[in-house]
Amino acid sequence: MTHRASHGGSIGSGPDEAFHRIADESSSEDARPTPEEVLSAGEDRSRHILATARHAYVAIDSSGVITEWNTAARFTFGWTRAEAVGRELAALVIPPRYRDAHRHALQLFRETGQSRIVGRRLGFAALHRDGHEFPAEFSISVLRHGSTYSFHLFVADVTARVRMETALKDSEARIRSIVDSTSDGIIFLTSDERVASINRRAQEMLAVASGSIEGMHLGAALDKVGFREEDRQSLTDAAKAALGGLADDHQGDAEVPPQRLVVHWAARVARDSAGGSTGLTFTLRDVTQEREVGRMKSEFVSFVTHQLRTPLAGIKWLLELAAEAEDPKEIHARIHDAREVTARMVRLVNNLLDVARLETGILQIDVQMTDLLALTRDIVRELGPLIRQKRHTVSITVAPDVAPVPSDPHLLRQVFTNLISNAVKYTPRGGTIRVKIQKDAESACWSVEDTGIGIPAGDIPLLFQKFHRAENARAINTEGTGLGLVVARLIMERLGGRVWCESEDGQGAAFFCVFPLAWRSDNGDAAA
């Protein structure tokens, strides 16, 4: 019997028990694995790990012959281990066009012991057993065995990733194409208010080259483009507020004086799928013409209101005087005055209608062979009473080779009458008015020159705009509408020609009308 006793945590034993313990320990030492057995077990574990690895594992010797091929390699390349081991790697999984380069790299390594691809992660085109190629990614390591080497590759089929990357690039390209083809300018800012990208339309609007403001802070970019200081402040304030979460939507108008541009801008926060802010999008719409049209409409309404209200009030007053008068002569005089005021109103309304029809293109052109000399003489005859009243001398000179031209005589009459009557009105008593008719190989030129008050240089570029009248002209004749020259310009443009003025203040004025000798209709058909 064995007796056990404990004292202070120690264990005592008899001689027999000690003998058995020594025997057990001796037996345990005999059961320990040898170094060869440990190495073999480690190799087995390594093979098992490599065999079950998620990525393809391939080992080759220094001549490029496959020595190991795991299960993942079978699914990646289509060859079983039995089919792959012992065959050349190049002939099995490398497309023919790359095989010589692979063999050359192995030869170079055998000679120099150096390689540019060892230890790096690289992509290559791999060949499947069924003949199709697929994108793969591999890493390679080298082990030395005495005087020889073995190469160990881990290969991943990245077809799905490449497809996703390609789809992403295609999507980005489509989005870029859509953004570039939109009629609005788009500027995208990062969360730190720097310009990340600017589309083609914004580049055109702001006259900036691609890449010239990318990376710049918004304020510096706006300053470089030429935005007004107050507008730069408005846009930068909006960007800070939007990115700071104060509001998602800001908008307003801004001017870019160097480009004579007015834009309507809108700032909106760009968000990801989780709702987080990724930056800010500024949308720019060119509203220059809209604002100009709005200004012109306001001026037009103001002008027409003034031009119609004053004569209407005059007519009303004249008719009231006529109704209260008892003398038939006084009644007749008041009615006569009211008729003259009404006639001026009718001329104004007709001019407005002519401008509207010409600008919208609905005015019909009636082309006829037109004798410019006969037309001019007829107009001078109609203006005879006014010419005689002012004791002007009028001359008409025509080149001998000028023949009738295809044009609209009724529209030309309107132009010539306006220009000759202006010459008569704005030439002081006893002046001279000269009309010349000439032609060259392709066009006819009709001009009228006077010895009148002339036109200040600053007014000449504005003469053919709506409601503009030179200051010296308004001083002489307060009843002008400022539409006659507009009508003349629009008619000449519809007839395929143009009209312009040459003058100096106090030195008379000359107006020139040039139009083609051959009429060309809207559909491009020419008529002699």
Protein backbone atom coordinates (compact mmCIF):
# COMPACT_ATOMS: atom_id res chain seq x y z
CA MET A 1 0.00 0.00 0.00
CA THR A 2 1.15 3.48 -0.87
CA HIS A 3 0.84 6.23 1.74
CA ARG A 4 0.48 9.89 0.81
CA ALA A 5 0.86 12.88 3.12
CA SER A 6 0.73 16.54 2.48
CA HIS A 7 2.47 19.29 4.31
CA GLY A 8 2.80 22.88 3.22
CA GLY A 9 1.64 22.04 -0.31
CA SER A 10 4.40 19.45 -0.97
CA ILE A 11 3.76 15.85 -1.99
CA GLY A 12 5.71 12.92 -0.46
CA SER A 13 6.03 9.39 -1.92
CA GLY A 14 7.55 6.01 -1.05
CA PRO A 15 10.44 4.24 -2.81
CA ASP A 16 8.19 2.20 -5.10
CA GLU A 17 6.37 5.25 -6.37
CA ALA A 18 9.64 7.06 -7.08
CA PHE A 19 10.80 4.09 -9.09
CA HIS A 20 7.67 4.09 -11.21
CA ARG A 21 7.99 7.88 -11.84
CA ILE A 22 11.56 7.50 -13.08
CA ALA A 23 10.48 4.66 -15.33
CA ASP A 24 7.63 6.79 -16.79
CA GLU A 25 9.98 9.69 -17.47
CA SER A 26 12.43 7.41 -19.20
CA SER A 27 9.62 5.99 -21.30
CA SER A 28 8.40 9.56 -22.20
CA GLU A 29 11.87 10.59 -23.41
CA ASP A 30 11.97 7.59 -25.69
CA ALA A 31 8.59 8.70 -27.26
CA ARG A 32 9.76 12.23 -28.29
CA PRO A 33 9.81 12.77 -32.11
CA THR A 34 13.11 12.96 -33.87
CA PRO A 35 14.16 16.15 -35.73
CA GLU A 36 13.39 14.35 -38.99
CA GLU A 37 9.90 13.56 -37.73
CA VAL A 38 9.35 17.20 -36.65
CA LEU A 39 10.45 18.44 -40.08
CA SER A 40 8.21 15.96 -41.83
CA ALA A 41 5.22 16.97 -39.67
CA GLY A 42 5.89 20.64 -40.43
CA GLU A 43 6.04 19.94 -44.12
CA ASP A 44 2.76 18.06 -43.90
CA ARG A 45 1.14 20.98 -42.12
CA SER A 46 2.52 23.42 -44.74
CA ARG A 47 1.24 21.25 -47.56
CA HIS A 48 -2.16 21.10 -45.91
CA ILE A 49 -2.26 24.87 -45.47
CA LEU A 50 -1.18 25.48 -49.05
CA ALA A 51 -3.57 22.87 -50.37
CA THR A 52 -6.54 24.54 -48.68
CA ALA A 53 -5.43 28.17 -49.31
CA ARG A 54 -7.99 30.45 -50.86
CA HIS A 55 -5.60 31.65 -53.59
CA ALA A 56 -3.87 29.46 -56.14
CA TYR A 57 -0.44 28.30 -55.02
CA VAL A 58 2.09 27.16 -57.60
CA ALA A 59 5.71 26.18 -57.08
CA ILE A 60 8.23 25.79 -59.89
CA ASP A 61 11.88 24.86 -60.01
CA SER A 62 14.62 27.01 -61.54
CA SER A 63 13.85 25.67 -65.01
CA GLY A 64 10.18 26.67 -64.78
CA VAL A 65 8.71 23.19 -64.21
CA ILE A 66 5.75 22.95 -61.83
CA THR A 67 6.47 21.10 -58.58
CA GLU A 68 3.41 22.04 -56.48
CA TRP A 69 -0.18 22.85 -57.46
CA ASN A 70 -2.93 23.32 -54.87
CA THR A 71 -6.67 22.88 -55.10
CA ALA A 72 -7.31 26.61 -55.67
CA ALA A 73 -4.90 26.47 -58.63
CA ARG A 74 -7.05 23.76 -60.15
CA PHE A 75 -10.15 25.98 -59.97
CA THR A 76 -8.21 29.03 -61.12
CA PHE A 77 -6.52 27.52 -64.18
CA GLY A 78 -8.65 24.41 -64.86
CA TRP A 79 -5.81 21.86 -64.61
CA THR A 80 -5.69 19.14 -61.93
CA ARG A 81 -2.57 18.68 -59.82
CA ALA A 82 -1.75 15.44 -61.61
CA GLU A 83 -1.99 17.22 -64.97
CA ALA A 84 0.03 20.24 -63.90
CA VAL A 85 2.93 18.94 -61.84
CA GLY A 86 5.93 18.14 -64.01
CA ARG A 87 4.91 20.45 -66.86
CA GLU A 88 6.39 23.81 -67.76
CA LEU A 89 4.49 26.71 -66.19
CA ALA A 90 4.86 28.89 -69.28
CA ALA A 91 3.23 26.33 -71.56
CA LEU A 92 0.35 25.79 -69.15
CA VAL A 93 -0.87 29.17 -67.80
CA ILE A 94 0.98 31.94 -69.67
CA PRO A 95 -0.44 33.26 -72.99
CA PRO A 96 1.86 32.47 -75.94
CA ARG A 97 2.83 36.13 -76.55
CA TYR A 98 4.39 36.35 -73.04
CA ARG A 99 6.14 32.97 -72.82
CA ASP A 100 9.50 34.04 -74.26
CA ALA A 101 9.71 36.92 -71.79
CA HIS A 102 8.96 34.54 -68.91
CA ARG A 103 11.65 32.09 -69.99
CA HIS A 104 14.13 34.93 -70.48
CA ALA A 105 13.44 36.18 -66.92
CA LEU A 106 14.13 32.71 -65.50
CA GLN A 107 17.37 32.45 -67.47
CA LEU A 108 18.46 35.88 -66.24
CA PHE A 109 17.77 34.86 -62.61
CA ARG A 110 19.76 31.66 -62.97
CA GLU A 111 22.72 33.66 -64.31
CA THR A 112 22.61 36.68 -61.98
CA GLY A 113 20.43 35.70 -59.04
CA GLN A 114 18.45 38.94 -59.51
CA SER A 115 14.84 39.58 -60.43
CA ARG A 116 12.71 42.72 -60.59
CA ILE A 117 9.47 40.93 -59.70
CA VAL A 118 10.40 38.95 -56.59
CA GLY A 119 8.62 40.27 -53.50
CA ARG A 120 6.23 42.49 -55.47
CA ARG A 121 2.52 42.21 -56.17
CA LEU A 122 1.95 42.35 -59.92
CA GLY A 123 -0.81 41.85 -62.45
CA PHE A 124 -0.64 39.72 -65.58
CA ALA A 125 -2.83 38.05 -68.17
CA ALA A 126 -3.29 34.35 -67.31
CA LEU A 127 -4.40 31.49 -69.56
CA HIS A 128 -7.16 29.07 -68.55
CA ARG A 129 -7.28 25.47 -69.68
CA ASP A 130 -10.28 26.21 -71.95
CA GLY A 131 -8.24 28.84 -73.79
CA HIS A 132 -9.71 32.06 -72.42
CA GLU A 133 -7.51 34.68 -70.82
CA PHE A 134 -8.33 36.36 -67.53
CA PRO A 135 -6.74 39.09 -65.41
CA ALA A 136 -4.73 37.75 -62.47
CA GLU A 137 -2.59 39.15 -59.69
CA PHE A 138 0.41 37.32 -58.25
CA SER A 139 3.21 37.58 -55.72
CA ILE A 140 6.37 35.50 -55.90
CA SER A 141 9.06 34.44 -53.44
CA VAL A 142 12.29 32.53 -53.94
CA LEU A 143 13.81 29.76 -51.81
CA ARG A 144 17.38 28.56 -52.19
CA HIS A 145 18.23 24.89 -51.92
CA GLY A 146 21.99 24.64 -52.03
CA SER A 147 22.91 25.66 -55.56
CA THR A 148 19.37 25.58 -56.90
CA TYR A 149 16.25 27.71 -56.45
CA SER A 150 12.53 27.21 -56.26
CA PHE A 151 9.88 29.84 -56.97
CA HIS A 152 6.60 30.05 -55.07
CA LEU A 153 3.65 31.94 -56.51
CA PHE A 154 0.32 32.92 -55.00
CA VAL A 155 -2.13 33.81 -57.77
CA ALA A 156 -5.57 35.46 -57.49
CA ASP A 157 -8.15 35.66 -60.28
CA VAL A 158 -9.17 39.34 -60.25
CA THR A 159 -11.73 39.14 -63.07
CA ALA A 160 -14.57 40.30 -60.83
CA ARG A 161 -12.51 43.20 -59.48
CA VAL A 162 -11.38 44.25 -62.94
CA ARG A 163 -14.95 44.11 -64.18
CA MET A 164 -16.05 46.24 -61.27
CA GLU A 165 -13.21 48.72 -61.85
CA THR A 166 -14.04 48.84 -65.57
CA ALA A 167 -17.71 49.36 -64.82
CA LEU A 168 -16.79 52.10 -62.38
CA LYS A 169 -14.56 53.80 -64.95
CA ASP A 170 -17.29 53.48 -67.59
CA SER A 171 -19.80 54.94 -65.16
CA GLU A 172 -17.46 57.81 -64.33
CA ALA A 173 -16.87 58.41 -68.05
CA ARG A 174 -20.62 58.48 -68.70
CA ILE A 175 -21.17 60.85 -65.82
CA ARG A 176 -18.32 63.07 -67.04
CA SER A 177 -19.79 63.03 -70.56
CA ILE A 178 -23.22 64.01 -69.21
CA VAL A 179 -21.73 66.71 -67.00
CA ASP A 180 -19.66 68.08 -69.88
CA SER A 181 -22.59 68.09 -72.30
CA THR A 182 -25.00 69.95 -70.02
CA SER A 183 -25.83 73.55 -70.85
CA ASP A 184 -25.06 74.61 -67.26
CA GLY A 185 -21.62 75.18 -65.82
CA ILE A 186 -20.75 72.90 -62.89
CA ILE A 187 -18.00 73.39 -60.32
CA PHE A 188 -17.47 70.72 -57.65
CA LEU A 189 -15.79 71.67 -54.38
CA THR A 190 -14.19 69.40 -51.81
CA SER A 191 -15.24 69.63 -48.17
CA ASP A 192 -12.38 72.08 -47.52
CA GLU A 193 -13.73 74.47 -50.20
CA ARG A 194 -11.20 73.67 -52.90
CA VAL A 195 -12.09 73.27 -56.58
CA ALA A 196 -12.08 69.54 -57.36
CA SER A 197 -13.38 69.71 -60.93
CA ILE A 198 -15.00 72.08 -63.42
CA ASN A 199 -16.98 70.95 -66.44
CA ARG A 200 -16.49 72.07 -70.04
CA ARG A 201 -19.44 74.49 -70.05
CA ALA A 202 -18.14 76.29 -66.95
CA GLN A 203 -14.70 76.54 -68.58
CA GLU A 204 -16.29 78.15 -71.65
CA MET A 205 -18.48 80.53 -69.62
CA LEU A 206 -15.70 81.67 -67.31
CA ALA A 207 -12.96 81.60 -69.99
CA VAL A 208 -10.65 79.36 -67.96
CA ALA A 209 -8.47 76.54 -69.26
CA SER A 210 -8.93 72.97 -68.10
CA GLY A 211 -6.97 72.39 -64.89
CA SER A 212 -6.17 76.08 -64.35
CA ILE A 213 -8.20 76.47 -61.13
CA GLU A 214 -8.43 72.87 -59.88
CA GLY A 215 -6.96 72.59 -56.39
CA MET A 216 -7.41 76.30 -55.69
CA HIS A 217 -9.49 77.58 -52.78
CA LEU A 218 -12.88 78.85 -53.96
CA GLY A 219 -12.16 82.49 -53.13
CA ALA A 220 -8.85 82.47 -55.01
CA ALA A 221 -10.44 80.71 -58.00
CA LEU A 222 -13.28 83.26 -58.20
CA ASP A 223 -10.76 86.08 -57.95
CA LYS A 224 -8.71 84.58 -60.80
CA VAL A 225 -11.83 84.26 -62.99
CA GLY A 226 -12.80 87.90 -62.34
CA PHE A 227 -15.97 87.77 -60.21
CA ARG A 228 -16.88 91.04 -58.52
CA GLU A 229 -15.72 91.32 -54.91
CA GLU A 230 -19.23 91.37 -53.48
CA ASP A 231 -20.19 88.31 -55.54
CA ARG A 232 -17.04 86.44 -54.46
CA GLN A 233 -18.05 87.08 -50.87
CA SER A 234 -21.59 85.84 -51.52
CA LEU A 235 -20.39 82.60 -53.09
CA THR A 236 -17.77 81.86 -50.43
CA ASP A 237 -20.30 82.62 -47.66
CA ALA A 238 -22.79 80.25 -49.32
CA ALA A 239 -20.14 77.52 -49.54
CA LYS A 240 -19.26 77.84 -45.85
CA ALA A 241 -22.91 77.83 -44.83
CA ALA A 242 -23.81 74.83 -46.97
CA LEU A 243 -20.79 72.77 -45.95
CA GLY A 244 -21.38 73.79 -42.35
CA GLY A 245 -24.86 72.32 -42.46
CA LEU A 246 -26.72 75.62 -42.05
CA ALA A 247 -28.73 74.99 -45.23
CA ASP A 248 -28.66 72.67 -48.23
CA ASP A 249 -29.63 75.20 -50.88
CA HIS A 250 -28.22 78.65 -51.65
CA GLN A 251 -28.58 80.66 -54.86
CA GLY A 252 -28.20 84.10 -56.35
CA ASP A 253 -26.84 86.14 -59.27
CA ALA A 254 -23.24 87.12 -59.86
CA GLU A 255 -21.41 89.21 -62.45
CA VAL A 256 -18.13 88.43 -64.20
CA PRO A 257 -17.11 91.77 -65.77
CA PRO A 258 -14.15 90.47 -67.85
CA GLN A 259 -16.51 88.14 -69.74
CA ARG A 260 -19.48 90.57 -69.61
CA LEU A 261 -21.33 87.70 -68.02
CA VAL A 262 -24.16 87.41 -65.54
CA VAL A 263 -24.69 83.96 -64.02
CA HIS A 264 -27.34 82.55 -61.77
CA TRP A 265 -25.61 80.23 -59.31
CA ALA A 266 -26.96 77.53 -57.02
CA ALA A 267 -24.93 75.79 -54.32
CA ARG A 268 -26.01 72.34 -53.17
CA VAL A 269 -24.33 69.89 -50.84
CA ALA A 270 -23.22 66.62 -52.48
CA ARG A 271 -23.93 63.58 -50.35
CA ASP A 272 -22.94 59.90 -50.40
CA SER A 273 -25.30 56.93 -50.11
CA ALA A 274 -25.18 57.19 -46.31
CA GLY A 275 -26.19 60.85 -46.38
CA GLY A 276 -22.78 62.20 -45.46
CA SER A 277 -21.43 65.34 -47.10
CA THR A 278 -18.77 64.75 -49.77
CA GLY A 279 -18.45 68.31 -51.00
CA LEU A 280 -20.41 71.04 -52.71
CA THR A 281 -21.72 71.52 -56.25
CA PHE A 282 -22.00 74.99 -57.75
CA THR A 283 -24.28 75.15 -60.80
CA LEU A 284 -23.85 78.18 -63.06
CA ARG A 285 -26.44 79.26 -65.63
CA ASP A 286 -25.74 82.06 -68.11
CA VAL A 287 -28.54 84.58 -67.61
CA THR A 288 -26.82 87.51 -69.33
CA GLN A 289 -29.35 87.62 -72.14
CA GLU A 290 -32.27 87.05 -69.80
CA ARG A 291 -31.23 89.96 -67.60
CA GLU A 292 -30.63 92.14 -70.66
CA VAL A 293 -34.03 91.22 -72.08
CA GLY A 294 -35.59 92.01 -68.71
CA ARG A 295 -33.84 95.37 -68.65
CA MET A 296 -34.93 96.11 -72.22
CA LYS A 297 -38.51 95.10 -71.42
CA SER A 298 -38.54 97.48 -68.50
CA GLU A 299 -37.12 100.26 -70.66
CA PHE A 300 -39.60 99.41 -73.41
CA VAL A 301 -42.57 99.53 -71.07
CA SER A 302 -41.30 102.80 -69.62
CA PHE A 303 -40.74 104.27 -73.09
CA VAL A 304 -44.09 103.17 -74.52
CA THR A 305 -45.88 104.32 -71.39
CA HIS A 306 -44.29 107.75 -71.72
CA GLN A 307 -44.68 107.97 -75.50
CA LEU A 308 -48.34 106.96 -75.47
CA ARG A 309 -49.50 108.57 -72.25
CA THR A 310 -48.33 112.05 -73.22
CA PRO A 311 -50.07 112.19 -76.63
CA LEU A 312 -53.17 110.50 -75.26
CA ALA A 313 -53.38 113.16 -72.57
CA GLY A 314 -52.90 115.78 -75.30
CA ILE A 315 -55.64 114.30 -77.46
CA LYS A 316 -57.99 114.18 -74.50
CA TRP A 317 -57.23 117.83 -73.67
CA LEU A 318 -57.68 118.96 -77.34
CA LEU A 319 -60.98 117.16 -77.65
CA GLU A 320 -62.21 118.68 -74.39
CA LEU A 321 -61.29 122.15 -75.70
CA ALA A 322 -63.08 121.39 -78.97
CA ALA A 323 -66.19 120.27 -77.07
CA GLU A 324 -66.22 123.48 -75.02
CA ALA A 325 -65.48 125.84 -77.94
CA GLU A 326 -68.26 127.67 -79.72
CA ASP A 327 -66.30 129.12 -82.62
CA PRO A 328 -66.31 126.65 -85.55
CA LYS A 329 -62.76 127.73 -86.52
CA GLU A 330 -61.47 127.00 -83.03
CA ILE A 331 -63.23 123.62 -83.01
CA HIS A 332 -61.68 122.79 -86.38
CA ALA A 333 -58.19 123.84 -85.18
CA ARG A 334 -58.42 121.68 -82.04
CA ILE A 335 -59.58 118.66 -84.01
CA HIS A 336 -56.78 119.22 -86.54
CA ASP A 337 -54.20 119.28 -83.74
CA ALA A 338 -55.68 116.11 -82.24
CA ARG A 339 -55.39 114.41 -85.64
CA GLU A 340 -51.69 115.27 -85.89
CA VAL A 341 -51.00 113.90 -82.41
CA THR A 342 -52.95 110.75 -83.33
CA ALA A 343 -50.89 110.38 -86.53
CA ARG A 344 -47.67 110.47 -84.50
CA MET A 345 -49.06 107.77 -82.22
CA VAL A 346 -49.98 105.64 -85.22
CA ARG A 347 -46.43 106.00 -86.59
CA LEU A 348 -45.02 104.93 -83.24
CA VAL A 349 -47.29 101.88 -83.03
CA ASN A 350 -46.49 100.95 -86.65
CA ASN A 351 -42.79 101.21 -85.93
CA LEU A 352 -43.18 98.99 -82.88
CA LEU A 353 -45.11 96.43 -84.93
CA ASP A 354 -42.49 96.53 -87.69
CA VAL A 355 -39.72 95.91 -85.17
CA ALA A 356 -41.62 92.98 -83.67
CA ARG A 357 -42.33 91.42 -87.07
CA LEU A 358 -38.73 91.86 -88.23
CA GLU A 359 -37.23 90.46 -85.02
CA THR A 360 -39.49 87.40 -85.07
CA GLY A 361 -38.95 86.84 -88.80
CA ILE A 362 -42.66 86.78 -89.69
CA LEU A 363 -42.42 89.74 -92.06
CA GLN A 364 -42.81 88.46 -95.63
CA ILE A 365 -40.24 89.46 -98.26
CA ASP A 366 -41.67 90.31 -101.71
CA VAL A 367 -38.73 90.18 -104.11
CA GLN A 368 -39.02 92.23 -107.30
CA MET A 369 -36.57 93.79 -109.73
CA THR A 370 -36.20 97.21 -108.13
CA ASP A 371 -34.98 100.38 -109.85
CA LEU A 372 -33.02 102.16 -107.09
CA LEU A 373 -32.89 105.49 -108.98
CA ALA A 374 -36.63 105.58 -109.62
CA LEU A 375 -37.36 104.61 -106.02
CA THR A 376 -35.08 107.37 -104.68
CA ARG A 377 -36.58 110.04 -106.95
CA ASP A 378 -40.08 109.06 -105.83
CA ILE A 379 -39.12 109.41 -102.16
CA VAL A 380 -37.50 112.83 -102.75
CA ARG A 381 -40.66 113.94 -104.54
CA GLU A 382 -42.80 112.87 -101.54
CA LEU A 383 -40.53 114.80 -99.18
CA GLY A 384 -40.58 117.83 -101.49
CA PRO A 385 -42.68 120.11 -99.23
CA LEU A 386 -40.30 119.61 -96.27
CA ILE A 387 -37.23 119.98 -98.50
CA ARG A 388 -38.53 123.22 -99.97
CA GLN A 389 -39.53 124.51 -96.56
CA LYS A 390 -35.94 124.12 -95.36
CA ARG A 391 -34.54 125.31 -98.71
CA HIS A 392 -32.23 122.30 -99.06
CA THR A 393 -30.42 121.30 -102.22
CA VAL A 394 -30.82 117.60 -103.01
CA SER A 395 -28.78 115.77 -105.66
CA ILE A 396 -28.95 112.16 -106.85
CA THR A 397 -25.94 110.57 -108.52
CA VAL A 398 -26.08 107.11 -110.05
CA ALA A 399 -23.27 105.12 -111.64
CA PRO A 400 -23.93 104.28 -115.31
CA ASP A 401 -23.67 100.51 -114.79
CA VAL A 402 -26.29 100.31 -112.04
CA ALA A 403 -29.25 98.21 -113.17
CA PRO A 404 -32.39 97.15 -111.29
CA VAL A 405 -31.63 94.71 -108.46
CA PRO A 406 -33.74 91.90 -106.94
CA SER A 407 -35.08 93.17 -103.62
CA ASP A 408 -38.26 94.21 -101.82
CA PRO A 409 -39.10 97.77 -103.04
CA HIS A 410 -41.61 98.37 -100.24
CA LEU A 411 -39.08 97.58 -97.51
CA LEU A 412 -36.34 99.54 -99.29
CA ARG A 413 -38.70 102.51 -99.53
CA GLN A 414 -39.13 102.39 -95.75
CA VAL A 415 -35.33 102.40 -95.24
CA PHE A 416 -34.54 105.13 -97.80
CA THR A 417 -37.41 107.33 -96.63
CA ASN A 418 -36.21 107.14 -93.03
CA LEU A 419 -32.61 108.00 -93.92
CA ILE A 420 -33.44 110.86 -96.34
CA SER A 421 -36.04 112.38 -94.00
CA ASN A 422 -33.50 112.28 -91.15
CA ALA A 423 -30.99 114.08 -93.37
CA VAL A 424 -33.60 116.75 -94.14
CA LYS A 425 -34.68 117.15 -90.50
CA TYR A 426 -31.20 117.35 -88.98
CA THR A 427 -29.61 119.59 -91.62
CA PRO A 428 -29.89 123.33 -90.91
CA ARG A 429 -31.76 125.57 -93.35
CA GLY A 430 -30.11 125.87 -96.79
CA GLY A 431 -28.08 122.67 -96.46
CA THR A 432 -27.03 120.12 -99.06
CA ILE A 433 -28.10 116.47 -99.28
CA ARG A 434 -26.38 114.11 -101.73
CA VAL A 435 -27.65 110.63 -102.63
CA LYS A 436 -25.29 108.25 -104.45
CA ILE A 437 -26.05 104.88 -106.05
CA GLN A 438 -23.10 102.66 -107.01
CA LYS A 439 -22.25 98.99 -107.38
CA ASP A 440 -19.34 96.57 -107.48
CA ALA A 441 -19.09 92.97 -108.64
CA GLU A 442 -21.39 91.53 -105.97
CA SER A 443 -23.33 94.33 -104.27
CA ALA A 444 -25.09 97.62 -104.73
CA CYS A 445 -24.38 100.59 -102.46
CA TRP A 446 -26.93 103.33 -101.73
CA SER A 447 -25.82 106.26 -99.56
CA VAL A 448 -27.11 109.62 -98.37
CA GLU A 449 -24.79 112.34 -97.09
CA ASP A 450 -25.78 115.67 -95.54
CA THR A 451 -24.23 118.86 -94.18
CA GLY A 452 -26.19 118.66 -90.96
CA ILE A 453 -25.41 118.62 -87.26
CA GLY A 454 -23.53 115.33 -87.39
CA ILE A 455 -23.43 112.64 -84.71
CA PRO A 456 -21.10 112.50 -81.68
CA ALA A 457 -18.61 109.63 -81.84
CA GLY A 458 -19.96 108.05 -78.65
CA ASP A 459 -23.47 107.82 -80.12
CA ILE A 460 -22.55 106.12 -83.40
CA PRO A 461 -22.22 102.54 -81.98
CA LEU A 462 -25.65 102.96 -80.34
CA LEU A 463 -27.55 104.49 -83.25
CA PHE A 464 -29.19 101.26 -84.39
CA GLN A 465 -30.37 100.17 -80.94
CA LYS A 466 -33.96 100.54 -79.76
CA PHE A 467 -34.98 103.97 -78.48
CA HIS A 468 -31.50 105.47 -78.69
CA ARG A 469 -31.27 109.03 -79.99
CA ALA A 470 -28.20 111.25 -80.04
CA GLU A 471 -28.31 114.14 -77.60
CA ASN A 472 -27.99 116.80 -80.33
CA ALA A 473 -30.82 115.15 -82.30
CA ARG A 474 -33.14 115.27 -79.28
CA ALA A 475 -32.38 118.96 -78.88
CA ILE A 476 -33.58 119.68 -82.45
CA ASN A 477 -36.50 117.25 -82.74
CA THR A 478 -38.18 116.05 -79.57
CA GLU A 479 -40.77 113.91 -81.39
CA GLY A 480 -38.50 111.09 -82.61
CA THR A 481 -39.25 107.55 -81.44
CA GLY A 482 -35.75 106.11 -81.59
CA LEU A 483 -37.05 103.22 -83.72
CA GLY A 484 -36.51 104.40 -87.29
CA LEU A 485 -32.88 103.33 -87.53
CA VAL A 486 -33.68 100.07 -85.74
CA VAL A 487 -36.26 99.29 -88.42
CA ALA A 488 -33.74 100.23 -91.13
CA ARG A 489 -31.11 97.87 -89.65
CA LEU A 490 -33.53 94.96 -89.30
CA ILE A 491 -34.84 95.41 -92.85
CA MET A 492 -31.35 95.52 -94.34
CA GLU A 493 -30.43 92.36 -92.44
CA ARG A 494 -33.54 90.59 -93.76
CA LEU A 495 -32.58 91.70 -97.28
CA GLY A 496 -29.14 90.19 -96.86
CA GLY A 497 -27.34 93.51 -96.51
CA ARG A 498 -26.25 95.94 -93.86
CA VAL A 499 -26.43 99.62 -92.93
CA TRP A 500 -23.91 101.82 -91.10
CA CYS A 501 -23.09 105.44 -90.37
CA GLU A 502 -20.00 107.60 -90.70
CA SER A 503 -20.07 111.01 -89.03
CA GLU A 504 -18.38 113.62 -86.88
CA ASP A 505 -20.13 115.94 -84.47
CA GLY A 506 -21.01 119.15 -86.35
CA GLN A 507 -19.63 117.85 -89.68
CA GLY A 508 -22.67 116.17 -91.21
CA ALA A 509 -23.46 112.47 -91.47
CA ALA A 510 -23.37 109.77 -94.14
CA PHE A 511 -25.46 106.58 -94.04
CA PHE A 512 -24.61 103.62 -96.26
CA CYS A 513 -26.84 100.70 -97.33
CA VAL A 514 -25.20 97.73 -99.05
CA PHE A 515 -27.14 94.74 -100.35
CA PRO A 516 -26.35 91.84 -102.72
CA LEU A 517 -27.00 92.02 -106.47
CA ALA A 518 -28.27 88.41 -106.38
CA TRP A 519 -31.12 87.58 -104.04
CA ARG A 520 -30.67 84.52 -101.88
CA SER A 521 -33.80 83.19 -100.21
CA ASP A 522 -33.93 81.44 -96.85
CA ASN A 523 -33.67 78.05 -98.56
CA GLY A 524 -30.46 79.04 -100.30
CA ASP A 525 -31.86 79.40 -103.84
CA ALA A 526 -30.26 82.27 -105.72
CA ALA A 527 -32.15 84.57 -108.07
CA ALA A 528 -30.60 87.02 -110.50
